[in-house]
């Protein structure tokens, strides 16, 4: 979802930069079955160009018809509610019992709007979070930098009316060192799981054979590339070249980064030798404890697609444990307060 959202916000920025009016639509509430979660975005311009998705059904068509007819949000944000009746649900192709509440916000091209959305896109490019606040009655907005992702909130302020607060943040990233067959299967499946995939391989002749679309490629040395692109807590780093000159260079930097997962492919014997080499290169025992090697769950995988599945299974488990721990930490803080 975050990949689509980044694309939507970039298009909004580009339209405003071109002096075009556009609309930003945000799912703010869902009830029952819903094809898209809260926070999903769609944007369109006056020419009918659309990016993003709200339902995967006919809701988009209905919104566009109303916008083109001038019936919806001509000057100020409005809340549209879909699926309130069985007839509405059937007409719009919503799942049984599904309701969607959508904030539709007109965006007039001016210096302030362009500055806000340019800043939002810059923050996302830097893999940082940014919060946008919209007062629906007055159409006043503000943008502020925040340290971490926050849940979307639609507050009913008794003085100013409804206020939408939404944080945009970076996607989870899978940073792959090496561009061989396992990496290609990994990248393909990971993108289906909404990871932004970056592939680093200083061997240009190997990277020229890359076939998976939608990935970011770099021929930088892995330590430099990790420092620049893959040092944050939403990144998983996996080394897959079988060349210790490349993989060890990546591990030296990865194990000192904030990456939530660091793994390296190889047998148990190869992994033990790698740990010994890394110790000689000033990697501490505490840092080595974060290394998943051999990488992936032990499911008896042999072929490249099986290895990719094993790696992503382990990565998913680590990610979910991390997210659960964060939730429990927040609950403990709230209980203490």
C-alpha atoms as a PDB file:
ATOM      1  CA  UNK A   1       0.000   0.000   0.000  1.00  0.00           C
ATOM      2  CA  UNK A   2       2.780   2.428   0.874  1.00  0.00           C
ATOM      3  CA  UNK A   3       4.280   2.109  -2.605  1.00  0.00           C
ATOM      4  CA  UNK A   4       0.998   3.258  -4.155  1.00  0.00           C
ATOM      5  CA  UNK A   5       0.653   6.063  -1.611  1.00  0.00           C
ATOM      6  CA  UNK A   6       4.121   7.389  -2.444  1.00  0.00           C
ATOM      7  CA  UNK A   7       3.177   7.401  -6.111  1.00  0.00           C
ATOM      8  CA  UNK A   8      -0.071   9.250  -5.375  1.00  0.00           C
ATOM      9  CA  UNK A   9       1.655  11.971  -3.348  1.00  0.00           C
ATOM     10  CA  UNK A  10       4.344  12.407  -5.989  1.00  0.00           C
ATOM     11  CA  UNK A  11       1.694  12.891  -8.671  1.00  0.00           C
ATOM     12  CA  UNK A  12      -0.068  15.473  -6.494  1.00  0.00           C
ATOM     13  CA  UNK A  13       3.211  17.347  -6.153  1.00  0.00           C
ATOM     14  CA  UNK A  14       3.787  17.207  -9.917  1.00  0.00           C
ATOM     15  CA  UNK A  15       0.271  18.431 -10.742  1.00  0.00           C
ATOM     16  CA  UNK A  16       0.569  21.338  -8.328  1.00  0.00           C
ATOM     17  CA  UNK A  17       3.990  22.180  -9.751  1.00  0.00           C
ATOM     18  CA  UNK A  18       2.377  22.332 -13.206  1.00  0.00           C
ATOM     19  CA  UNK A  19      -0.278  24.718 -11.847  1.00  0.00           C
ATOM     20  CA  UNK A  20      -3.107  22.170 -12.122  1.00  0.00           C
ATOM     21  CA  UNK A  21      -5.973  21.696  -9.698  1.00  0.00           C
ATOM     22  CA  UNK A  22      -6.398  18.175  -8.352  1.00  0.00           C
ATOM     23  CA  UNK A  23      -8.195  16.211  -5.637  1.00  0.00           C
ATOM     24  CA  UNK A  24      -6.733  13.981  -2.945  1.00  0.00           C
ATOM     25  CA  UNK A  25      -9.071  11.265  -1.648  1.00  0.00           C
ATOM     26  CA  UNK A  26      -8.343   9.357   1.573  1.00  0.00           C
ATOM     27  CA  UNK A  27     -10.114   6.364   3.117  1.00  0.00           C
ATOM     28  CA  UNK A  28     -10.756   7.493   6.708  1.00  0.00           C
ATOM     29  CA  UNK A  29     -13.060   4.739   7.979  1.00  0.00           C
ATOM     30  CA  UNK A  30     -14.169   1.243   6.973  1.00  0.00           C
ATOM     31  CA  UNK A  31     -16.917  -0.967   8.376  1.00  0.00           C
ATOM     32  CA  UNK A  32     -17.403  -4.647   7.671  1.00  0.00           C
ATOM     33  CA  UNK A  33     -15.513  -6.077   4.698  1.00  0.00           C
ATOM     34  CA  UNK A  34     -13.441  -3.494   2.881  1.00  0.00           C
ATOM     35  CA  UNK A  35     -11.224  -3.942  -0.197  1.00  0.00           C
ATOM     36  CA  UNK A  36      -8.781  -1.195   0.882  1.00  0.00           C
ATOM     37  CA  UNK A  37      -7.609  -0.255   4.393  1.00  0.00           C
ATOM     38  CA  UNK A  38      -7.890   3.054   6.220  1.00  0.00           C
ATOM     39  CA  UNK A  39      -5.310   5.508   4.935  1.00  0.00           C
ATOM     40  CA  UNK A  40      -5.498   4.395   1.294  1.00  0.00           C
ATOM     41  CA  UNK A  41      -5.108   7.237  -1.195  1.00  0.00           C
ATOM     42  CA  UNK A  42      -6.331   8.212  -4.641  1.00  0.00           C
ATOM     43  CA  UNK A  43      -5.656  11.417  -6.560  1.00  0.00           C
ATOM     44  CA  UNK A  44      -7.024  12.766  -9.823  1.00  0.00           C
ATOM     45  CA  UNK A  45      -6.657  15.938 -11.861  1.00  0.00           C
ATOM     46  CA  UNK A  46      -9.155  17.962 -13.879  1.00  0.00           C
ATOM     47  CA  UNK A  47      -8.340  15.936 -17.016  1.00  0.00           C
ATOM     48  CA  UNK A  48      -9.475  12.726 -15.367  1.00  0.00           C
ATOM     49  CA  UNK A  49      -6.034  11.233 -14.790  1.00  0.00           C
ATOM     50  CA  UNK A  50      -6.157   8.928 -11.761  1.00  0.00           C
ATOM     51  CA  UNK A  51      -3.483   7.378  -9.579  1.00  0.00           C
ATOM     52  CA  UNK A  52      -4.074   5.157  -6.536  1.00  0.00           C
ATOM     53  CA  UNK A  53      -7.072   3.127  -5.458  1.00  0.00           C
ATOM     54  CA  UNK A  54      -9.844   3.307  -2.873  1.00  0.00           C
ATOM     55  CA  UNK A  55     -11.923   0.204  -3.522  1.00  0.00           C
ATOM     56  CA  UNK A  56     -10.865  -1.640  -6.639  1.00  0.00           C
ATOM     57  CA  UNK A  57     -14.514  -1.333  -7.712  1.00  0.00           C
ATOM     58  CA  UNK A  58     -16.899   1.358  -8.888  1.00  0.00           C
ATOM     59  CA  UNK A  59     -16.329   3.840  -6.050  1.00  0.00           C
ATOM     60  CA  UNK A  60     -13.602   5.510  -8.100  1.00  0.00           C
ATOM     61  CA  UNK A  61     -15.935   5.890 -11.087  1.00  0.00           C
ATOM     62  CA  UNK A  62     -18.654   7.407  -8.926  1.00  0.00           C
ATOM     63  CA  UNK A  63     -16.209   9.875  -7.364  1.00  0.00           C
ATOM     64  CA  UNK A  64     -14.879  10.947 -10.750  1.00  0.00           C
ATOM     65  CA  UNK A  65     -18.392  11.503 -12.114  1.00  0.00           C
ATOM     66  CA  UNK A  66     -19.283  13.717  -9.161  1.00  0.00           C
ATOM     67  CA  UNK A  67     -16.009  15.651  -9.353  1.00  0.00           C
ATOM     68  CA  UNK A  68     -16.360  16.255 -13.098  1.00  0.00           C
ATOM     69  CA  UNK A  69     -19.955  17.417 -12.580  1.00  0.00           C
ATOM     70  CA  UNK A  70     -18.867  19.825  -9.836  1.00  0.00           C
ATOM     71  CA  UNK A  71     -21.112  18.057  -7.313  1.00  0.00           C
ATOM     72  CA  UNK A  72     -18.373  17.116  -4.874  1.00  0.00           C
ATOM     73  CA  UNK A  73     -15.723  19.131  -3.006  1.00  0.00           C
ATOM     74  CA  UNK A  74     -15.520  22.084  -5.397  1.00  0.00           C
ATOM     75  CA  UNK A  75     -13.762  24.319  -2.847  1.00  0.00           C
ATOM     76  CA  UNK A  76     -13.558  22.583   0.541  1.00  0.00           C
ATOM     77  CA  UNK A  77     -13.026  18.984   1.710  1.00  0.00           C
ATOM     78  CA  UNK A  78     -16.074  16.767   2.035  1.00  0.00           C
ATOM     79  CA  UNK A  79     -16.725  13.296   3.473  1.00  0.00           C
ATOM     80  CA  UNK A  80     -18.335  10.782   1.123  1.00  0.00           C
ATOM     81  CA  UNK A  81     -19.928   7.664   2.608  1.00  0.00           C
ATOM     82  CA  UNK A  82     -20.368   4.566   0.470  1.00  0.00           C
ATOM     83  CA  UNK A  83     -22.153   1.276   1.144  1.00  0.00           C
ATOM     84  CA  UNK A  84     -24.803   2.633   3.516  1.00  0.00           C
ATOM     85  CA  UNK A  85     -27.574   0.692   1.736  1.00  0.00           C
ATOM     86  CA  UNK A  86     -27.660  -2.786   0.125  1.00  0.00           C
ATOM     87  CA  UNK A  87     -28.389  -1.123  -3.223  1.00  0.00           C
ATOM     88  CA  UNK A  88     -25.353   1.113  -2.849  1.00  0.00           C
ATOM     89  CA  UNK A  89     -23.158  -1.849  -1.946  1.00  0.00           C
ATOM     90  CA  UNK A  90     -24.297  -3.853  -4.978  1.00  0.00           C
ATOM     91  CA  UNK A  91     -24.013  -0.897  -7.375  1.00  0.00           C
ATOM     92  CA  UNK A  92     -20.466  -0.096  -6.294  1.00  0.00           C
ATOM     93  CA  UNK A  93     -19.197  -3.656  -6.123  1.00  0.00           C
ATOM     94  CA  UNK A  94     -18.326  -3.455  -2.430  1.00  0.00           C
ATOM     95  CA  UNK A  95     -17.991  -6.668  -0.378  1.00  0.00           C
ATOM     96  CA  UNK A  96     -21.052  -7.702   1.569  1.00  0.00           C
ATOM     97  CA  UNK A  97     -21.511  -5.365   4.512  1.00  0.00           C
ATOM     98  CA  UNK A  98     -18.655  -3.117   3.433  1.00  0.00           C
ATOM     99  CA  UNK A  99     -18.795   0.628   4.148  1.00  0.00           C
ATOM    100  CA  UNK A 100     -16.238   3.242   3.131  1.00  0.00           C
ATOM    101  CA  UNK A 101     -15.886   6.815   4.391  1.00  0.00           C
ATOM    102  CA  UNK A 102     -13.682   8.944   2.157  1.00  0.00           C
ATOM    103  CA  UNK A 103     -12.385  12.483   2.632  1.00  0.00           C
ATOM    104  CA  UNK A 104     -12.279  14.231  -0.752  1.00  0.00           C
ATOM    105  CA  UNK A 105     -10.017  17.273  -0.670  1.00  0.00           C
ATOM    106  CA  UNK A 106      -9.657  19.825  -3.497  1.00  0.00           C
ATOM    107  CA  UNK A 107      -6.099  21.096  -3.937  1.00  0.00           C
ATOM    108  CA  UNK A 108      -5.641  24.431  -5.681  1.00  0.00           C
ATOM    109  CA  UNK A 109      -2.170  25.032  -7.083  1.00  0.00           C
ATOM    110  CA  UNK A 110      -0.446  27.718  -5.023  1.00  0.00           C
ATOM    111  CA  UNK A 111       2.926  28.244  -3.385  1.00  0.00           C
ATOM    112  CA  UNK A 112       1.833  26.953   0.016  1.00  0.00           C
ATOM    113  CA  UNK A 113       0.299  23.719  -1.315  1.00  0.00           C
ATOM    114  CA  UNK A 114       3.306  23.045  -3.543  1.00  0.00           C
ATOM    115  CA  UNK A 115       5.692  23.644  -0.653  1.00  0.00           C
ATOM    116  CA  UNK A 116       3.781  21.191   1.573  1.00  0.00           C
ATOM    117  CA  UNK A 117       3.645  18.348  -0.944  1.00  0.00           C
ATOM    118  CA  UNK A 118       7.226  18.912  -2.090  1.00  0.00           C
ATOM    119  CA  UNK A 119       8.291  18.539   1.533  1.00  0.00           C
ATOM    120  CA  UNK A 120       6.201  15.378   1.956  1.00  0.00           C
ATOM    121  CA  UNK A 121       7.794  13.758  -1.114  1.00  0.00           C
ATOM    122  CA  UNK A 122      11.278  14.788   0.054  1.00  0.00           C
ATOM    123  CA  UNK A 123      10.688  13.207   3.464  1.00  0.00           C
ATOM    124  CA  UNK A 124       9.507   9.971   1.873  1.00  0.00           C
ATOM    125  CA  UNK A 125      12.520   9.918  -0.455  1.00  0.00           C
ATOM    126  CA  UNK A 126      14.697  10.234   2.667  1.00  0.00           C
ATOM    127  CA  UNK A 127      12.750   7.349   4.283  1.00  0.00           C
ATOM    128  CA  UNK A 128      11.397   9.619   7.016  1.00  0.00           C
ATOM    129  CA  UNK A 129       7.891  10.247   8.384  1.00  0.00           C
ATOM    130  CA  UNK A 130       5.780  13.360   7.947  1.00  0.00           C
ATOM    131  CA  UNK A 131       2.307  14.235   9.273  1.00  0.00           C
ATOM    132  CA  UNK A 132      -0.337  16.259   7.430  1.00  0.00           C
ATOM    133  CA  UNK A 133      -3.301  17.860   9.220  1.00  0.00           C
ATOM    134  CA  UNK A 134      -6.438  19.007   7.392  1.00  0.00           C
ATOM    135  CA  UNK A 135      -9.299  21.016   8.964  1.00  0.00           C
ATOM    136  CA  UNK A 136     -12.254  20.006   6.844  1.00  0.00           C
ATOM    137  CA  UNK A 137     -14.484  23.030   7.528  1.00  0.00           C
ATOM    138  CA  UNK A 138     -11.883  25.731   6.917  1.00  0.00           C
ATOM    139  CA  UNK A 139      -9.657  23.756   4.507  1.00  0.00           C
ATOM    140  CA  UNK A 140      -6.647  24.909   6.553  1.00  0.00           C
ATOM    141  CA  UNK A 141      -3.718  22.494   6.445  1.00  0.00           C
ATOM    142  CA  UNK A 142      -0.339  22.037   8.079  1.00  0.00           C
ATOM    143  CA  UNK A 143       2.637  19.685   7.620  1.00  0.00           C
ATOM    144  CA  UNK A 144       5.069  18.642  10.348  1.00  0.00           C
ATOM    145  CA  UNK A 145       7.954  16.196  10.625  1.00  0.00           C
ATOM    146  CA  UNK A 146       7.524  13.249  13.011  1.00  0.00           C
ATOM    147  CA  UNK A 147       9.848  10.473  14.083  1.00  0.00           C
ATOM    148  CA  UNK A 148       7.587   7.459  13.592  1.00  0.00           C
ATOM    149  CA  UNK A 149       4.418   6.297  11.892  1.00  0.00           C
ATOM    150  CA  UNK A 150       1.088   7.083  13.559  1.00  0.00           C
ATOM    151  CA  UNK A 151      -2.420   5.788  12.938  1.00  0.00           C
ATOM    152  CA  UNK A 152      -4.756   7.941  10.853  1.00  0.00           C
ATOM    153  CA  UNK A 153      -7.131   9.972  13.032  1.00  0.00           C
ATOM    154  CA  UNK A 154     -10.322  11.821  12.091  1.00  0.00           C
ATOM    155  CA  UNK A 155     -11.150  13.977  15.116  1.00  0.00           C
ATOM    156  CA  UNK A 156     -14.404  15.822  15.664  1.00  0.00           C
ATOM    157  CA  UNK A 157     -13.218  19.111  17.145  1.00  0.00           C
ATOM    158  CA  UNK A 158     -16.206  20.925  18.763  1.00  0.00           C
ATOM    159  CA  UNK A 159     -14.797  24.322  17.786  1.00  0.00           C
ATOM    160  CA  UNK A 160     -13.304  23.809  14.345  1.00  0.00           C
ATOM    161  CA  UNK A 161     -15.150  20.721  13.089  1.00  0.00           C
ATOM    162  CA  UNK A 162     -13.568  17.501  11.735  1.00  0.00           C
ATOM    163  CA  UNK A 163      -9.762  17.351  11.602  1.00  0.00           C
ATOM    164  CA  UNK A 164      -7.903  14.705   9.586  1.00  0.00           C
ATOM    165  CA  UNK A 165      -4.412  13.796  10.790  1.00  0.00           C
ATOM    166  CA  UNK A 166      -2.435  11.366   8.652  1.00  0.00           C
ATOM    167  CA  UNK A 167       1.203  10.315   8.826  1.00  0.00           C
ATOM    168  CA  UNK A 168       2.977   9.295   5.644  1.00  0.00           C
ATOM    169  CA  UNK A 169       6.046   7.154   6.071  1.00  0.00           C
ATOM    170  CA  UNK A 170       8.565   4.988   4.276  1.00  0.00           C
ATOM    171  CA  UNK A 171       7.851   1.458   3.157  1.00  0.00           C
ATOM    172  CA  UNK A 172       9.592  -1.573   4.500  1.00  0.00           C
ATOM    173  CA  UNK A 173      12.674  -2.142   2.358  1.00  0.00           C
ATOM    174  CA  UNK A 174      14.438  -5.327   1.335  1.00  0.00           C
ATOM    175  CA  UNK A 175      18.060  -4.579   0.457  1.00  0.00           C
ATOM    176  CA  UNK A 176      19.644  -7.421  -1.506  1.00  0.00           C
ATOM    177  CA  UNK A 177      23.384  -7.786  -1.982  1.00  0.00           C
ATOM    178  CA  UNK A 178      23.883  -9.731  -5.185  1.00  0.00           C
ATOM    179  CA  UNK A 179      21.726 -10.064  -8.294  1.00  0.00           C
ATOM    180  CA  UNK A 180      21.674 -13.842  -8.875  1.00  0.00           C
ATOM    181  CA  UNK A 181      18.698 -16.150  -9.288  1.00  0.00           C
ATOM    182  CA  UNK A 182      17.764 -16.278  -5.581  1.00  0.00           C
ATOM    183  CA  UNK A 183      17.745 -12.467  -5.494  1.00  0.00           C
ATOM    184  CA  UNK A 184      15.399 -12.328  -8.475  1.00  0.00           C
ATOM    185  CA  UNK A 185      12.899 -14.684  -6.849  1.00  0.00           C
ATOM    186  CA  UNK A 186      13.235 -12.799  -3.567  1.00  0.00           C
ATOM    187  CA  UNK A 187      12.638  -9.438  -5.231  1.00  0.00           C
ATOM    188  CA  UNK A 188       9.607 -10.697  -7.131  1.00  0.00           C
ATOM    189  CA  UNK A 189       7.870 -12.160  -4.073  1.00  0.00           C
ATOM    190  CA  UNK A 190       8.920  -9.316  -1.756  1.00  0.00           C
ATOM    191  CA  UNK A 191       7.304  -6.726  -4.006  1.00  0.00           C
ATOM    192  CA  UNK A 192       4.037  -8.650  -3.753  1.00  0.00           C
ATOM    193  CA  UNK A 193       4.432  -8.245   0.033  1.00  0.00           C
ATOM    194  CA  UNK A 194       4.799  -4.455  -0.453  1.00  0.00           C
ATOM    195  CA  UNK A 195       8.535  -4.220   0.145  1.00  0.00           C
ATOM    196  CA  UNK A 196      10.558  -1.626  -1.675  1.00  0.00           C
ATOM    197  CA  UNK A 197      13.411  -3.675  -3.124  1.00  0.00           C
ATOM    198  CA  UNK A 198      16.926  -2.346  -3.658  1.00  0.00           C
ATOM    199  CA  UNK A 199      19.521  -4.566  -5.327  1.00  0.00           C
ATOM    200  CA  UNK A 200      23.212  -3.831  -4.863  1.00  0.00           C
ATOM    201  CA  UNK A 201      25.860  -5.579  -6.945  1.00  0.00           C
ATOM    202  CA  UNK A 202      29.235  -3.998  -7.769  1.00  0.00           C
ATOM    203  CA  UNK A 203      29.616  -6.583 -10.561  1.00  0.00           C
ATOM    204  CA  UNK A 204      28.063  -4.619 -13.418  1.00  0.00           C
ATOM    205  CA  UNK A 205      27.945  -7.630 -15.751  1.00  0.00           C
ATOM    206  CA  UNK A 206      25.731  -9.428 -13.217  1.00  0.00           C
ATOM    207  CA  UNK A 207      23.390  -6.496 -12.731  1.00  0.00           C
ATOM    208  CA  UNK A 208      22.946  -6.174 -16.502  1.00  0.00           C
ATOM    209  CA  UNK A 209      21.110  -9.527 -16.411  1.00  0.00           C
ATOM    210  CA  UNK A 210      18.543  -8.338 -13.844  1.00  0.00           C
ATOM    211  CA  UNK A 211      14.957  -8.957 -15.007  1.00  0.00           C
ATOM    212  CA  UNK A 212      12.647  -7.935 -12.137  1.00  0.00           C
ATOM    213  CA  UNK A 213      10.887  -4.634 -12.797  1.00  0.00           C
ATOM    214  CA  UNK A 214      10.093  -2.087 -10.104  1.00  0.00           C
ATOM    215  CA  UNK A 215      13.362  -2.494  -8.191  1.00  0.00           C
ATOM    216  CA  UNK A 216      16.056   0.069  -7.477  1.00  0.00           C
ATOM    217  CA  UNK A 217      19.525  -0.979  -8.701  1.00  0.00           C
ATOM    218  CA  UNK A 218      22.967   0.222  -7.663  1.00  0.00           C
ATOM    219  CA  UNK A 219      26.513  -0.822  -8.561  1.00  0.00           C
ATOM    220  CA  UNK A 220      27.980   0.918  -5.505  1.00  0.00           C
ATOM    221  CA  UNK A 221      30.049  -1.142  -3.105  1.00  0.00           C
ATOM    222  CA  UNK A 222      27.663  -2.623  -0.512  1.00  0.00           C
ATOM    223  CA  UNK A 223      29.075  -0.793   2.524  1.00  0.00           C
ATOM    224  CA  UNK A 224      28.619   2.564   0.791  1.00  0.00           C
ATOM    225  CA  UNK A 225      25.166   1.608  -0.507  1.00  0.00           C
ATOM    226  CA  UNK A 226      23.984   0.459   2.936  1.00  0.00           C
ATOM    227  CA  UNK A 227      25.152   3.703   4.537  1.00  0.00           C
ATOM    228  CA  UNK A 228      23.233   5.660   1.921  1.00  0.00           C
ATOM    229  CA  UNK A 229      20.086   3.581   1.378  1.00  0.00           C
ATOM    230  CA  UNK A 230      19.629   0.868   4.007  1.00  0.00           C
ATOM    231  CA  UNK A 231      20.496   1.949   7.530  1.00  0.00           C
ATOM    232  CA  UNK A 232      17.029   2.498   9.039  1.00  0.00           C
ATOM    233  CA  UNK A 233      14.829   0.283  11.209  1.00  0.00           C
ATOM    234  CA  UNK A 234      12.394  -0.539   8.374  1.00  0.00           C
ATOM    235  CA  UNK A 235      15.084  -2.246   6.299  1.00  0.00           C
ATOM    236  CA  UNK A 236      16.046  -5.908   5.956  1.00  0.00           C
ATOM    237  CA  UNK A 237      19.477  -6.648   4.458  1.00  0.00           C
ATOM    238  CA  UNK A 238      20.324 -10.008   2.879  1.00  0.00           C
ATOM    239  CA  UNK A 239      23.684 -10.913   1.322  1.00  0.00           C
ATOM    240  CA  UNK A 240      23.484 -13.524  -1.443  1.00  0.00           C
ATOM    241  CA  UNK A 241      26.602 -13.410  -3.634  1.00  0.00           C
ATOM    242  CA  UNK A 242      28.585 -16.306  -2.077  1.00  0.00           C
ATOM    243  CA  UNK A 243      31.614 -14.036  -2.509  1.00  0.00           C
ATOM    244  CA  UNK A 244      33.016 -13.169   0.961  1.00  0.00           C
ATOM    245  CA  UNK A 245      34.739 -10.106  -0.441  1.00  0.00           C
ATOM    246  CA  UNK A 246      31.302  -8.656  -1.222  1.00  0.00           C
ATOM    247  CA  UNK A 247      29.095 -10.288   1.418  1.00  0.00           C
ATOM    248  CA  UNK A 248      31.472  -9.615   4.333  1.00  0.00           C
ATOM    249  CA  UNK A 249      31.750  -5.982   3.292  1.00  0.00           C
ATOM    250  CA  UNK A 250      27.969  -5.752   3.431  1.00  0.00           C
ATOM    251  CA  UNK A 251      27.735  -7.539   6.790  1.00  0.00           C
ATOM    252  CA  UNK A 252      30.327  -5.245   8.393  1.00  0.00           C
ATOM    253  CA  UNK A 253      28.110  -2.256   7.679  1.00  0.00           C
ATOM    254  CA  UNK A 254      24.718  -3.969   8.053  1.00  0.00           C
ATOM    255  CA  UNK A 255      25.402  -5.309  11.555  1.00  0.00           C
ATOM    256  CA  UNK A 256      26.222  -1.792  12.763  1.00  0.00           C
ATOM    257  CA  UNK A 257      23.089  -0.295  11.178  1.00  0.00           C
ATOM    258  CA  UNK A 258      19.528  -0.085  12.539  1.00  0.00           C
ATOM    259  CA  UNK A 259      18.246  -2.690  10.067  1.00  0.00           C
ATOM    260  CA  UNK A 260      15.664  -4.952  11.728  1.00  0.00           C
ATOM    261  CA  UNK A 261      16.934  -8.047   9.902  1.00  0.00           C
ATOM    262  CA  UNK A 262      20.382  -8.980   8.592  1.00  0.00           C
ATOM    263  CA  UNK A 263      21.010 -12.307   6.869  1.00  0.00           C
ATOM    264  CA  UNK A 264      23.603 -14.025   4.700  1.00  0.00           C
ATOM    265  CA  UNK A 265      23.221 -17.093   2.512  1.00  0.00           C
ATOM    266  CA  UNK A 266      25.542 -20.067   2.966  1.00  0.00           C
ATOM    267  CA  UNK A 267      25.867 -23.439   4.632  1.00  0.00           C
ATOM    268  CA  UNK A 268      26.383 -23.879   8.371  1.00  0.00           C
ATOM    269  CA  UNK A 269      30.121 -24.319   7.802  1.00  0.00           C
ATOM    270  CA  UNK A 270      30.285 -21.212   5.569  1.00  0.00           C
ATOM    271  CA  UNK A 271      28.301 -19.217   8.131  1.00  0.00           C
ATOM    272  CA  UNK A 272      30.616 -20.272  10.969  1.00  0.00           C
ATOM    273  CA  UNK A 273      33.637 -19.186   8.940  1.00  0.00           C
ATOM    274  CA  UNK A 274      31.930 -15.880   8.180  1.00  0.00           C
ATOM    275  CA  UNK A 275      31.331 -15.225  11.884  1.00  0.00           C
ATOM    276  CA  UNK A 276      34.999 -15.849  12.638  1.00  0.00           C
ATOM    277  CA  UNK A 277      36.080 -13.457   9.891  1.00  0.00           C
ATOM    278  CA  UNK A 278      33.662 -10.780  11.092  1.00  0.00           C
ATOM    279  CA  UNK A 279      35.012 -11.071  14.642  1.00  0.00           C
ATOM    280  CA  UNK A 280      38.482 -10.386  13.268  1.00  0.00           C
ATOM    281  CA  UNK A 281      37.033  -7.295  11.574  1.00  0.00           C
ATOM    282  CA  UNK A 282      35.889  -5.765  14.892  1.00  0.00           C
ATOM    283  CA  UNK A 283      32.280  -6.961  14.797  1.00  0.00           C
ATOM    284  CA  UNK A 284      31.242  -7.594  18.406  1.00  0.00           C
ATOM    285  CA  UNK A 285      29.466 -10.697  19.720  1.00  0.00           C
ATOM    286  CA  UNK A 286      26.403  -8.540  20.422  1.00  0.00           C
ATOM    287  CA  UNK A 287      26.328  -7.356  16.800  1.00  0.00           C
ATOM    288  CA  UNK A 288      26.897 -10.893  15.498  1.00  0.00           C
ATOM    289  CA  UNK A 289      23.884 -12.080  17.468  1.00  0.00           C
ATOM    290  CA  UNK A 290      21.697 -10.162  14.987  1.00  0.00           C
ATOM    291  CA  UNK A 291      23.026 -12.124  12.016  1.00  0.00           C
ATOM    292  CA  UNK A 292      20.708 -14.746  10.503  1.00  0.00           C
ATOM    293  CA  UNK A 293      23.090 -17.216   8.907  1.00  0.00           C
ATOM    294  CA  UNK A 294      22.337 -19.590   7.355  1.00  0.00           C
ATOM    295  CA  UNK A 295      19.601 -17.221   6.242  1.00  0.00           C
ATOM    296  CA  UNK A 296      15.945 -18.302   6.177  1.00  0.00           C
ATOM    297  CA  UNK A 297      13.811 -20.858   7.981  1.00  0.00           C
ATOM    298  CA  UNK A 298      15.044 -24.442   7.846  1.00  0.00           C
ATOM    299  CA  UNK A 299      12.408 -25.949   5.545  1.00  0.00           C
ATOM    300  CA  UNK A 300      14.792 -28.103   3.528  1.00  0.00           C
ATOM    301  CA  UNK A 301      14.882 -25.584   0.686  1.00  0.00           C
ATOM    302  CA  UNK A 302      17.226 -26.353  -2.225  1.00  0.00           C
ATOM    303  CA  UNK A 303      16.021 -24.499  -5.327  1.00  0.00           C
ATOM    304  CA  UNK A 304      16.187 -20.690  -5.733  1.00  0.00           C
ATOM    305  CA  UNK A 305      12.414 -20.178  -5.303  1.00  0.00           C
ATOM    306  CA  UNK A 306      12.369 -22.428  -2.221  1.00  0.00           C
ATOM    307  CA  UNK A 307      15.286 -20.501  -0.710  1.00  0.00           C
ATOM    308  CA  UNK A 308      13.482 -17.225  -1.413  1.00  0.00           C
ATOM    309  CA  UNK A 309      10.349 -18.510   0.345  1.00  0.00           C
ATOM    310  CA  UNK A 310      12.392 -19.633   3.362  1.00  0.00           C
ATOM    311  CA  UNK A 311      14.084 -16.233   3.647  1.00  0.00           C
ATOM    312  CA  UNK A 312      10.848 -14.273   3.383  1.00  0.00           C
ATOM    313  CA  UNK A 313       9.144 -16.591   5.883  1.00  0.00           C
ATOM    314  CA  UNK A 314      11.842 -15.914   8.472  1.00  0.00           C
ATOM    315  CA  UNK A 315      11.883 -12.215   7.649  1.00  0.00           C
ATOM    316  CA  UNK A 316       8.090 -12.056   8.102  1.00  0.00           C
ATOM    317  CA  UNK A 317       8.312 -13.810  11.474  1.00  0.00           C
ATOM    318  CA  UNK A 318      11.012 -11.408  12.705  1.00  0.00           C
ATOM    319  CA  UNK A 319       9.049  -8.414  11.464  1.00  0.00           C
ATOM    320  CA  UNK A 320       5.808  -9.526  13.156  1.00  0.00           C
ATOM    321  CA  UNK A 321       7.605 -10.224  16.439  1.00  0.00           C
ATOM    322  CA  UNK A 322       9.161  -6.774  16.270  1.00  0.00           C
ATOM    323  CA  UNK A 323       5.824  -5.096  15.559  1.00  0.00           C
ATOM    324  CA  UNK A 324       4.134  -7.013  18.397  1.00  0.00           C
ATOM    325  CA  UNK A 325       6.891  -6.002  20.801  1.00  0.00           C
ATOM    326  CA  UNK A 326       6.431  -2.372  19.797  1.00  0.00           C
ATOM    327  CA  UNK A 327       2.671  -2.594  20.446  1.00  0.00           C
ATOM    328  CA  UNK A 328       3.242  -4.181  23.851  1.00  0.00           C
ATOM    329  CA  UNK A 329       5.746  -1.446  24.688  1.00  0.00           C
ATOM    330  CA  UNK A 330       3.240   1.259  23.814  1.00  0.00           C
ATOM    331  CA  UNK A 331       0.560  -0.448  25.926  1.00  0.00           C
ATOM    332  CA  UNK A 332       2.954  -0.680  28.862  1.00  0.00           C
ATOM    333  CA  UNK A 333       3.757   3.036  28.585  1.00  0.00           C
ATOM    334  CA  UNK A 334       0.055   3.897  28.381  1.00  0.00           C
ATOM    335  CA  UNK A 335      -0.706   1.723  31.428  1.00  0.00           C
ATOM    336  CA  UNK A 336       2.088   3.400  33.401  1.00  0.00           C
ATOM    337  CA  UNK A 337       0.689   6.832  32.562  1.00  0.00           C
END
